[in-house]
Every structure is written in structure tokens, then in C-alpha cells.
Amino acid sequence: MEVRLSLAFRFGEEADDRITMLNDRAIPMVGSVFRYRDRIARQFTMLFVRAGASLPKVRAEILPAARWLAIRSWVRSADDDNDSGKN
């Protein structure tokens, strides 16, 4: 069995804020959706991230959050190092 799939993401109201990732693509149905649900979810998430990263408006929203998470992670690991006696 084969499914025809089109997938577009809208990141805003303007026409330029829509990205089509798949346009009437043939996807063969192999196995069970339940068996491959983790892989399907992971691939869908990666498509969503790639679509968002291709728009400058979305990157401007994502990068400050990513920077904050990286700094927070670095500070947390530095605190853990200090607590364990490493300097």
C-alpha cells in the first residue's frame, strides 16, 4: 500500500511564512504505524525543526532560547564541578 503525502508548515500569517516540506510524495506503508511510532515522531520533529530553521523570523525566536539553554547547562555543570571539589 502507498500513501500520497503533502506536508506544509505555517509559521505565521504571511504567504512567505509557509514552507512545504513534502509535496504529493509517495510514501510506502511498510510495517505498522504502532511498531515504528518512535521513528515516525523523530522524523516528523526533524522536518519541523528544519522547516523552522530555514526561516529567518523563526531562527530569531529560536536562537536566544537555545543560547539561554546552553548557558544554563554550562553554569549547571560548573556548579556540579564545584560541588564535587573540582576546580
Foldseek 3Di string as FASTA:
>chain_A
DKDFDWDKDAPDDDPVRIDTPHDRDIDDDDDDCVVCVVVVVVVVVVSVVVSQVVDPVSCVVVVVVVVVVVVVVVVVVVVVCVVVPHD
